[in-house]
Amino acid sequence: MPDGTASLSLTLHRAIAEITAAEWDACAGPDNPFVSHAFLAAVEDSGSADARTGWLPQHAALRDAGGRILAVAPMYAKSHSYGEYVFDHGWAHAFEQAGGRYYPKLQVAVPFSPVPGPRLLVRPGCGVPAAALGQALAQACRELDLSSLHVTFCTEADSAALAECGFLPRLGMQFHWHNAGYATFEAFLDALASRKRKSIRRERRDANAAGLEFVALRGPEIGRRDWAAFYEFYTSTVDRKWGSAYLTRQFFPLLGERLGDRVVLMLARHQGKPVAGALNLMGTQALYGRNWGCRGDWPFLHFELCYYRAIDFAIAHGLQRVEAGAQGEHKIQRGYLPSITHSAHWIAHAGLRRAVAGFLDQERPARLAEMAELATLSPFKAEAE
């Protein structure tokens, strides 16, 4: 432990319910709903994150000599690398080909949610540095004789603290929309180059001329039938993309019940029946787009429901940005620009660590170059325009 933290101890918990919501949220804070006790409990209580799905909770709590919790981290023992969105399959394959055992591993993450946010959750004012929690987590991984510990979609500050503890930093990329103080959606459009502005107006016009009704429902406004329809949208999207439907039918209504108005469900209805939906969670500064699905073929509906309606909502509620999930270069032309994401990786085996470090040394400049190239596609007006 760093100086002054020798009296701290780390405990691991097989369920989020072993830590009270008050203790957890005192460390997690209100900004990001994905690290809240309510969200993590909904994932577990719905049977979405458990031994069956290969996400076995091992939530970490750093305690003082009196047993008071000073810091926590959402952590899982993983038997695979699915549902993470920061890919280490190649590392696992190479290590196992060489005779090593990569799984199980430890993952500090929010299950099935590629949402950047804090992962080293330290109670404000307690005097414990984030690096103390990082060091304790690495020590736990060592004592459990596991191959590795991965902290994914963490903040830049978390990544820097973990680097002090011997973690290897990694960069990723997503596409986020940033609110430059726009009063209306039209004000946002006015910031775009003429051709891009016309394209978005055309897409919105066609989507809204298809005879659909659009609504944004929050928390208790979302009924059982709405959630049932959305679950069908979710599974149909998963089926088309050959993925795995980790989230159970029970998860979505439980999420609405536990997180209340922080849950925002954008629905498109045709003749009173839902035909598409986009699920978002709202933090104090951002709207986070998560899952989407559709029944039928409607022009530009995905863009309208997931991107434009999200921007409308963010402007109306004074939010600083919209984070629309992983992947999707097509988002750039709709105002969602490349943004860096961070992860950090602790590797026990010296040989594997050297190999991963070498890979990341090559990946990092390539990632930054890719982002710089994509930034040239920005739809916003040039300063001289």
Protein backbone atom coordinates (compact mmCIF):
# COMPACT_ATOMS: atom_id res chain seq x y z
CA MET A 1 0.00 0.00 0.00
CA PRO A 2 1.15 3.64 -0.54
CA ASP A 3 2.39 5.57 2.51
CA GLY A 4 -0.34 6.19 5.04
CA THR A 5 -2.61 3.41 3.79
CA ALA A 6 -1.01 0.37 5.45
CA SER A 7 -4.05 -0.04 7.72
CA LEU A 8 -6.41 -0.50 4.78
CA SER A 9 -7.75 -3.92 3.77
CA LEU A 10 -9.58 -5.18 0.70
CA THR A 11 -12.65 -7.42 0.83
CA LEU A 12 -14.30 -9.13 -2.16
CA HIS A 13 -18.05 -9.63 -2.36
CA ARG A 14 -20.00 -12.23 -4.35
CA ALA A 15 -23.03 -9.94 -4.69
CA ILE A 16 -23.57 -6.19 -4.75
CA ALA A 17 -26.23 -6.78 -2.07
CA GLU A 18 -23.42 -7.53 0.42
CA ILE A 19 -22.62 -3.79 0.34
CA THR A 20 -25.37 -1.34 1.24
CA ALA A 21 -26.53 1.16 -1.37
CA ALA A 22 -25.60 4.02 0.97
CA GLU A 23 -22.01 2.76 1.39
CA TRP A 24 -21.53 2.06 -2.32
CA ASP A 25 -23.08 5.27 -3.61
CA ALA A 26 -21.12 7.37 -1.12
CA CYS A 27 -18.08 6.25 -3.13
CA ALA A 28 -19.65 6.12 -6.60
CA GLY A 29 -21.28 9.56 -6.52
CA PRO A 30 -24.29 10.69 -8.58
CA ASP A 31 -22.73 11.55 -11.95
CA ASN A 32 -22.65 8.21 -13.78
CA PRO A 33 -25.69 5.90 -13.35
CA PHE A 34 -23.83 2.82 -14.59
CA VAL A 35 -21.66 2.58 -11.48
CA SER A 36 -24.59 3.17 -9.12
CA HIS A 37 -25.65 0.46 -6.71
CA ALA A 38 -29.10 0.47 -8.35
CA PHE A 39 -27.79 -0.34 -11.83
CA LEU A 40 -25.38 -3.04 -10.69
CA ALA A 41 -28.08 -4.60 -8.50
CA ALA A 42 -30.50 -4.65 -11.44
CA VAL A 43 -27.92 -6.49 -13.55
CA GLU A 44 -27.43 -9.12 -10.84
CA ASP A 45 -31.00 -9.45 -9.58
CA SER A 46 -32.28 -9.97 -13.13
CA GLY A 47 -29.87 -12.89 -13.66
CA SER A 48 -27.95 -11.02 -16.35
CA ALA A 49 -24.55 -11.02 -14.64
CA ASP A 50 -23.90 -14.28 -12.83
CA ALA A 51 -22.02 -17.56 -13.14
CA ARG A 52 -24.33 -18.63 -15.97
CA THR A 53 -23.26 -15.74 -18.19
CA GLY A 54 -19.62 -15.87 -17.08
CA TRP A 55 -19.80 -12.64 -15.05
CA LEU A 56 -19.29 -13.74 -11.45
CA PRO A 57 -19.41 -10.72 -9.09
CA GLN A 58 -16.29 -10.08 -7.03
CA HIS A 59 -17.00 -6.50 -6.04
CA ALA A 60 -14.08 -4.90 -4.20
CA ALA A 61 -14.32 -2.75 -1.08
CA LEU A 62 -11.34 -1.00 0.49
CA ARG A 63 -11.87 -0.58 4.23
CA ASP A 64 -10.14 1.25 7.05
CA ALA A 65 -9.13 -0.38 10.34
CA GLY A 66 -12.64 0.15 11.69
CA GLY A 67 -14.28 -1.57 8.72
CA ARG A 68 -15.64 1.60 7.10
CA ILE A 69 -15.71 1.45 3.30
CA LEU A 70 -13.52 4.14 1.73
CA ALA A 71 -13.45 2.93 -1.89
CA VAL A 72 -15.15 0.36 -4.09
CA ALA A 73 -14.84 -1.09 -7.59
CA PRO A 74 -17.37 -3.10 -9.65
CA MET A 75 -15.40 -6.27 -10.35
CA TYR A 76 -16.15 -9.67 -11.87
CA ALA A 77 -14.37 -12.97 -12.35
CA LYS A 78 -14.62 -13.73 -16.06
CA SER A 79 -14.43 -17.11 -17.80
CA HIS A 80 -14.39 -15.45 -21.25
CA SER A 81 -13.90 -12.05 -22.87
CA TYR A 82 -17.40 -11.39 -24.20
CA GLY A 83 -19.57 -8.41 -23.32
CA GLU A 84 -16.58 -6.17 -22.60
CA TYR A 85 -15.96 -4.18 -25.85
CA VAL A 86 -12.23 -3.84 -25.14
CA PHE A 87 -10.86 -6.84 -26.92
CA ASP A 88 -8.16 -9.11 -25.47
CA HIS A 89 -9.07 -12.34 -27.29
CA GLY A 90 -5.71 -12.27 -29.09
CA TRP A 91 -3.82 -12.01 -25.81
CA ALA A 92 -5.77 -14.95 -24.39
CA HIS A 93 -5.20 -17.09 -27.49
CA ALA A 94 -1.46 -16.40 -27.58
CA PHE A 95 -1.00 -17.11 -23.87
CA GLU A 96 -2.94 -20.37 -23.99
CA GLN A 97 -1.12 -21.47 -27.15
CA ALA A 98 2.09 -21.01 -25.16
CA GLY A 99 0.75 -23.25 -22.38
CA GLY A 100 -0.60 -20.55 -20.05
CA ARG A 101 -4.03 -20.26 -18.47
CA TYR A 102 -5.65 -16.92 -19.24
CA TYR A 103 -9.09 -17.58 -17.75
CA PRO A 104 -10.46 -16.91 -15.23
CA LYS A 105 -9.42 -13.27 -15.11
CA LEU A 106 -10.66 -10.26 -13.17
CA GLN A 107 -12.59 -7.47 -14.88
CA VAL A 108 -13.35 -4.09 -13.32
CA ALA A 109 -16.19 -2.97 -15.54
CA VAL A 110 -19.90 -2.39 -15.96
CA PRO A 111 -21.28 -5.58 -17.55
CA PHE A 112 -22.37 -5.34 -21.19
CA SER A 113 -21.99 -1.54 -21.14
CA PRO A 114 -19.22 0.19 -23.12
CA VAL A 115 -19.81 3.40 -21.20
CA PRO A 116 -16.82 5.46 -20.04
CA GLY A 117 -16.86 6.51 -16.41
CA PRO A 118 -15.10 6.14 -13.07
CA ARG A 119 -14.05 2.66 -12.01
CA LEU A 120 -11.90 3.45 -8.95
CA LEU A 121 -14.72 4.78 -6.79
CA VAL A 122 -13.23 6.61 -3.81
CA ARG A 123 -15.32 8.29 -1.11
CA PRO A 124 -14.71 12.06 -1.41
CA GLY A 125 -12.64 13.56 1.37
CA CYS A 126 -11.47 10.24 2.82
CA GLY A 127 -7.83 10.96 2.01
CA VAL A 128 -7.23 7.68 0.18
CA PRO A 129 -5.62 8.01 -3.28
CA ALA A 130 -7.17 6.09 -6.15
CA ALA A 131 -3.81 4.35 -6.63
CA ALA A 132 -4.28 2.66 -3.24
CA LEU A 133 -7.35 0.87 -4.55
CA GLY A 134 -5.54 0.00 -7.78
CA GLN A 135 -2.63 -1.49 -5.86
CA ALA A 136 -4.99 -3.49 -3.64
CA LEU A 137 -6.79 -4.87 -6.70
CA ALA A 138 -3.52 -5.96 -8.30
CA GLN A 139 -2.50 -7.63 -5.04
CA ALA A 140 -5.82 -9.50 -4.94
CA CYS A 141 -5.26 -10.73 -8.49
CA ARG A 142 -1.78 -11.92 -7.50
CA GLU A 143 -3.03 -13.72 -4.38
CA LEU A 144 -5.82 -15.41 -6.32
CA ASP A 145 -3.19 -16.61 -8.82
CA LEU A 146 -5.09 -15.25 -11.79
CA SER A 147 -3.57 -14.23 -15.11
CA SER A 148 -4.72 -10.63 -15.30
CA LEU A 149 -6.91 -7.77 -14.17
CA HIS A 150 -8.56 -5.43 -16.67
CA VAL A 151 -10.11 -2.05 -15.86
CA THR A 152 -12.14 -1.05 -18.89
CA PHE A 153 -13.78 2.23 -19.95
CA CYS A 154 -12.26 4.03 -16.98
CA THR A 155 -11.53 7.74 -16.77
CA GLU A 156 -8.20 9.22 -17.81
CA ALA A 157 -7.52 9.97 -14.13
CA ASP A 158 -8.17 6.32 -13.22
CA SER A 159 -5.83 5.19 -16.00
CA ALA A 160 -3.07 7.48 -14.71
CA ALA A 161 -3.53 6.21 -11.13
CA LEU A 162 -3.41 2.60 -12.31
CA ALA A 163 -0.26 3.26 -14.34
CA GLU A 164 1.39 4.12 -11.00
CA CYS A 165 0.55 0.56 -9.89
CA GLY A 166 2.07 -1.15 -12.92
CA PHE A 167 -1.04 -1.35 -15.10
CA LEU A 168 -0.60 -0.99 -18.87
CA PRO A 169 -2.70 1.86 -20.33
CA ARG A 170 -4.71 1.34 -23.50
CA LEU A 171 -6.60 3.80 -25.68
CA GLY A 172 -9.88 3.21 -27.45
CA MET A 173 -12.30 5.36 -29.40
CA GLN A 174 -15.98 6.21 -29.38
CA PHE A 175 -18.12 8.93 -30.94
CA HIS A 176 -19.68 11.55 -28.67
CA TRP A 177 -21.82 14.63 -29.28
CA HIS A 178 -20.88 17.74 -27.30
CA ASN A 179 -23.25 20.52 -26.39
CA ALA A 180 -21.74 23.92 -27.21
CA GLY A 181 -24.50 25.72 -25.37
CA TYR A 182 -27.12 25.16 -28.07
CA ALA A 183 -30.58 26.53 -27.25
CA THR A 184 -32.34 24.34 -29.82
CA PHE A 185 -31.65 21.56 -32.32
CA GLU A 186 -31.74 24.22 -35.06
CA ALA A 187 -28.96 26.09 -33.28
CA PHE A 188 -26.89 22.90 -33.43
CA LEU A 189 -27.65 22.55 -37.13
CA ASP A 190 -26.54 26.14 -37.72
CA ALA A 191 -23.07 25.11 -36.51
CA LEU A 192 -22.77 22.55 -39.33
CA ALA A 193 -21.55 22.98 -42.87
CA SER A 194 -24.42 23.65 -45.26
CA ARG A 195 -24.36 20.27 -47.01
CA LYS A 196 -24.33 18.34 -43.71
CA ARG A 197 -27.11 20.52 -42.32
CA LYS A 198 -29.31 19.82 -45.33
CA SER A 199 -28.63 16.08 -45.10
CA ILE A 200 -29.74 15.89 -41.46
CA ARG A 201 -32.85 17.96 -42.15
CA ARG A 202 -33.76 15.59 -44.98
CA GLU A 203 -33.25 12.52 -42.79
CA ARG A 204 -35.38 13.99 -40.00
CA ARG A 205 -38.08 15.06 -42.45
CA ASP A 206 -38.32 11.58 -43.97
CA ALA A 207 -38.30 9.85 -40.57
CA ASN A 208 -41.06 12.11 -39.27
CA ALA A 209 -43.15 11.77 -42.45
CA ALA A 210 -43.51 7.99 -42.07
CA GLY A 211 -46.63 8.14 -39.92
CA LEU A 212 -44.82 7.45 -36.65
CA GLU A 213 -45.41 8.96 -33.23
CA PHE A 214 -42.28 9.62 -31.16
CA VAL A 215 -42.29 9.75 -27.36
CA ALA A 216 -39.60 9.98 -24.67
CA LEU A 217 -40.70 8.11 -21.55
CA ARG A 218 -38.95 8.26 -18.20
CA GLY A 219 -38.98 5.91 -15.23
CA PRO A 220 -42.53 5.21 -14.05
CA GLU A 221 -43.96 6.46 -17.35
CA ILE A 222 -42.61 3.28 -18.98
CA GLY A 223 -45.23 0.54 -18.72
CA ARG A 224 -44.86 -3.23 -18.73
CA ARG A 225 -46.04 -3.40 -22.33
CA ASP A 226 -43.42 -0.85 -23.34
CA TRP A 227 -40.67 -2.92 -21.70
CA ALA A 228 -42.01 -6.14 -23.23
CA ALA A 229 -41.90 -4.54 -26.68
CA PHE A 230 -38.44 -3.17 -26.07
CA TYR A 231 -37.13 -6.58 -25.03
CA GLU A 232 -38.30 -7.96 -28.36
CA PHE A 233 -36.49 -5.11 -30.14
CA TYR A 234 -33.34 -5.86 -28.12
CA THR A 235 -33.32 -9.58 -28.88
CA SER A 236 -34.05 -9.04 -32.57
CA THR A 237 -31.03 -6.72 -32.83
CA VAL A 238 -28.85 -9.26 -31.05
CA ASP A 239 -30.06 -12.03 -33.39
CA ARG A 240 -29.24 -9.97 -36.48
CA LYS A 241 -25.74 -9.20 -35.25
CA TRP A 242 -24.98 -12.76 -34.12
CA GLY A 243 -24.40 -11.61 -30.57
CA SER A 244 -25.46 -12.93 -27.18
CA ALA A 245 -28.53 -11.62 -25.37
CA TYR A 246 -26.99 -11.35 -21.92
CA LEU A 247 -29.66 -9.01 -20.59
CA THR A 248 -32.71 -10.94 -19.46
CA ARG A 249 -36.36 -10.01 -19.94
CA GLN A 250 -36.50 -9.09 -16.23
CA PHE A 251 -33.63 -6.61 -16.48
CA PHE A 252 -35.40 -3.80 -18.31
CA PRO A 253 -38.47 -3.29 -16.06
CA LEU A 254 -36.20 -3.76 -13.05
CA LEU A 255 -33.94 -1.02 -14.40
CA GLY A 256 -36.89 1.34 -14.75
CA GLU A 257 -38.01 0.54 -11.23
CA ARG A 258 -34.58 0.96 -9.62
CA LEU A 259 -33.27 4.00 -11.51
CA GLY A 260 -36.51 5.93 -11.99
CA ASP A 261 -36.24 9.12 -14.04
CA ARG A 262 -32.63 8.38 -14.96
CA VAL A 263 -34.03 5.84 -17.45
CA VAL A 264 -35.11 7.44 -20.74
CA LEU A 265 -36.83 5.21 -23.31
CA MET A 266 -37.32 6.75 -26.75
CA LEU A 267 -40.17 4.94 -28.53
CA ALA A 268 -41.54 5.12 -32.06
CA ARG A 269 -45.15 4.01 -32.37
CA HIS A 270 -47.21 3.19 -35.43
CA GLN A 271 -50.97 3.17 -34.98
CA GLY A 272 -50.45 3.11 -31.24
CA LYS A 273 -48.08 0.13 -31.20
CA PRO A 274 -44.33 0.41 -30.50
CA VAL A 275 -42.23 -0.41 -33.56
CA ALA A 276 -38.81 0.76 -32.35
CA GLY A 277 -37.07 1.83 -29.17
CA ALA A 278 -33.80 3.33 -27.95
CA LEU A 279 -32.81 2.94 -24.29
CA ASN A 280 -30.80 5.70 -22.62
CA LEU A 281 -29.62 6.44 -19.09
CA MET A 282 -29.20 10.00 -17.89
CA GLY A 283 -26.37 11.18 -15.67
CA THR A 284 -25.78 14.64 -14.27
CA GLN A 285 -23.78 15.67 -17.34
CA ALA A 286 -24.52 13.20 -20.13
CA LEU A 287 -27.16 11.08 -21.82
CA TYR A 288 -25.86 7.57 -22.45
CA GLY A 289 -27.37 5.62 -25.34
CA ARG A 290 -27.36 1.88 -24.71
CA ASN A 291 -29.65 -0.48 -26.62
CA TRP A 292 -31.80 -0.10 -29.71
CA GLY A 293 -34.12 -2.27 -31.76
CA CYS A 294 -36.78 -2.02 -34.46
CA ARG A 295 -39.61 -3.99 -36.02
CA GLY A 296 -40.13 -3.18 -39.69
CA ASP A 297 -38.35 -0.98 -42.21
CA TRP A 298 -38.65 2.76 -41.64
CA PRO A 299 -36.55 5.44 -43.37
CA PHE A 300 -33.78 6.90 -41.18
CA LEU A 301 -35.54 5.69 -38.02
CA HIS A 302 -32.30 4.56 -36.35
CA PHE A 303 -30.72 7.97 -36.82
CA GLU A 304 -33.84 9.80 -35.64
CA LEU A 305 -34.47 7.73 -32.54
CA CYS A 306 -30.89 7.09 -31.39
CA TYR A 307 -29.03 10.24 -32.44
CA TYR A 308 -31.29 13.19 -33.20
CA ARG A 309 -33.86 12.58 -30.47
CA ALA A 310 -30.97 12.11 -28.03
CA ILE A 311 -29.52 15.49 -29.04
CA ASP A 312 -32.96 17.08 -28.66
CA PHE A 313 -33.25 15.61 -25.16
CA ALA A 314 -29.73 16.69 -24.13
CA ILE A 315 -30.33 20.27 -25.26
CA ALA A 316 -33.70 20.44 -23.49
CA HIS A 317 -32.20 19.14 -20.23
CA GLY A 318 -28.95 21.10 -20.32
CA LEU A 319 -26.71 18.04 -20.65
CA GLN A 320 -23.14 18.52 -21.84
CA ARG A 321 -22.90 15.53 -24.16
CA VAL A 322 -24.48 12.43 -25.65
CA GLU A 323 -22.50 9.19 -25.65
CA ALA A 324 -24.04 6.85 -28.19
CA GLY A 325 -22.13 3.65 -27.47
CA ALA A 326 -19.41 1.75 -29.29
CA GLN A 327 -18.42 1.81 -32.96
CA GLY A 328 -20.09 3.67 -35.82
CA GLU A 329 -18.11 6.05 -38.03
CA HIS A 330 -21.45 7.04 -39.57
CA LYS A 331 -22.09 9.00 -36.36
CA ILE A 332 -19.48 11.61 -37.35
CA GLN A 333 -21.68 13.11 -40.06
CA ARG A 334 -24.41 13.51 -37.46
CA GLY A 335 -22.29 15.54 -35.05
CA TYR A 336 -20.79 12.74 -32.94
CA LEU A 337 -17.02 13.22 -33.04
CA PRO A 338 -14.16 10.83 -32.16
CA SER A 339 -13.39 10.72 -28.42
CA ILE A 340 -10.66 8.82 -26.60
CA THR A 341 -11.59 6.06 -24.16
CA HIS A 342 -9.26 4.51 -21.60
CA SER A 343 -8.55 1.10 -20.10
CA ALA A 344 -5.75 -0.32 -17.96
CA HIS A 345 -4.43 -3.88 -17.75
CA TRP A 346 -2.40 -5.65 -15.08
CA ILE A 347 -0.68 -8.80 -16.38
CA ALA A 348 0.85 -11.28 -13.93
CA HIS A 349 3.09 -13.31 -16.27
CA ALA A 350 6.25 -11.39 -17.19
CA GLY A 351 6.44 -12.78 -20.73
CA LEU A 352 2.80 -12.03 -21.51
CA ARG A 353 3.18 -8.58 -19.97
CA ARG A 354 6.12 -7.78 -22.25
CA ALA A 355 4.19 -8.98 -25.30
CA VAL A 356 1.07 -6.96 -24.40
CA ALA A 357 3.16 -3.87 -23.62
CA GLY A 358 4.82 -4.14 -27.03
CA PHE A 359 1.46 -4.50 -28.74
CA LEU A 360 0.05 -1.48 -26.93
CA ASP A 361 3.13 0.60 -27.78
CA GLN A 362 2.31 0.00 -31.45
CA GLU A 363 -1.47 0.30 -31.09
CA ARG A 364 -1.42 3.67 -29.31
CA PRO A 365 0.05 5.88 -32.08
CA ALA A 366 -2.03 4.03 -34.66
CA ARG A 367 -5.18 4.78 -32.66
CA LEU A 368 -4.30 8.46 -32.32
CA ALA A 369 -3.55 8.69 -36.04
CA GLU A 370 -6.90 7.05 -36.82
CA MET A 371 -8.72 9.56 -34.62
CA ALA A 372 -6.92 12.48 -36.25
CA GLU A 373 -7.89 11.20 -39.69
CA LEU A 374 -11.53 10.72 -38.67
CA ALA A 375 -11.62 14.20 -37.13
CA THR A 376 -11.09 15.62 -40.62
CA LEU A 377 -14.57 14.31 -41.50
CA SER A 378 -16.20 16.63 -38.96
CA PRO A 379 -19.49 18.09 -40.24
CA PHE A 380 -18.98 21.35 -38.37
CA LYS A 381 -18.18 24.57 -40.16
CA ALA A 382 -14.53 25.42 -40.62
CA GLU A 383 -13.49 28.49 -38.64
CA ALA A 384 -12.90 30.45 -41.81
CA GLU A 385 -16.32 29.58 -43.24
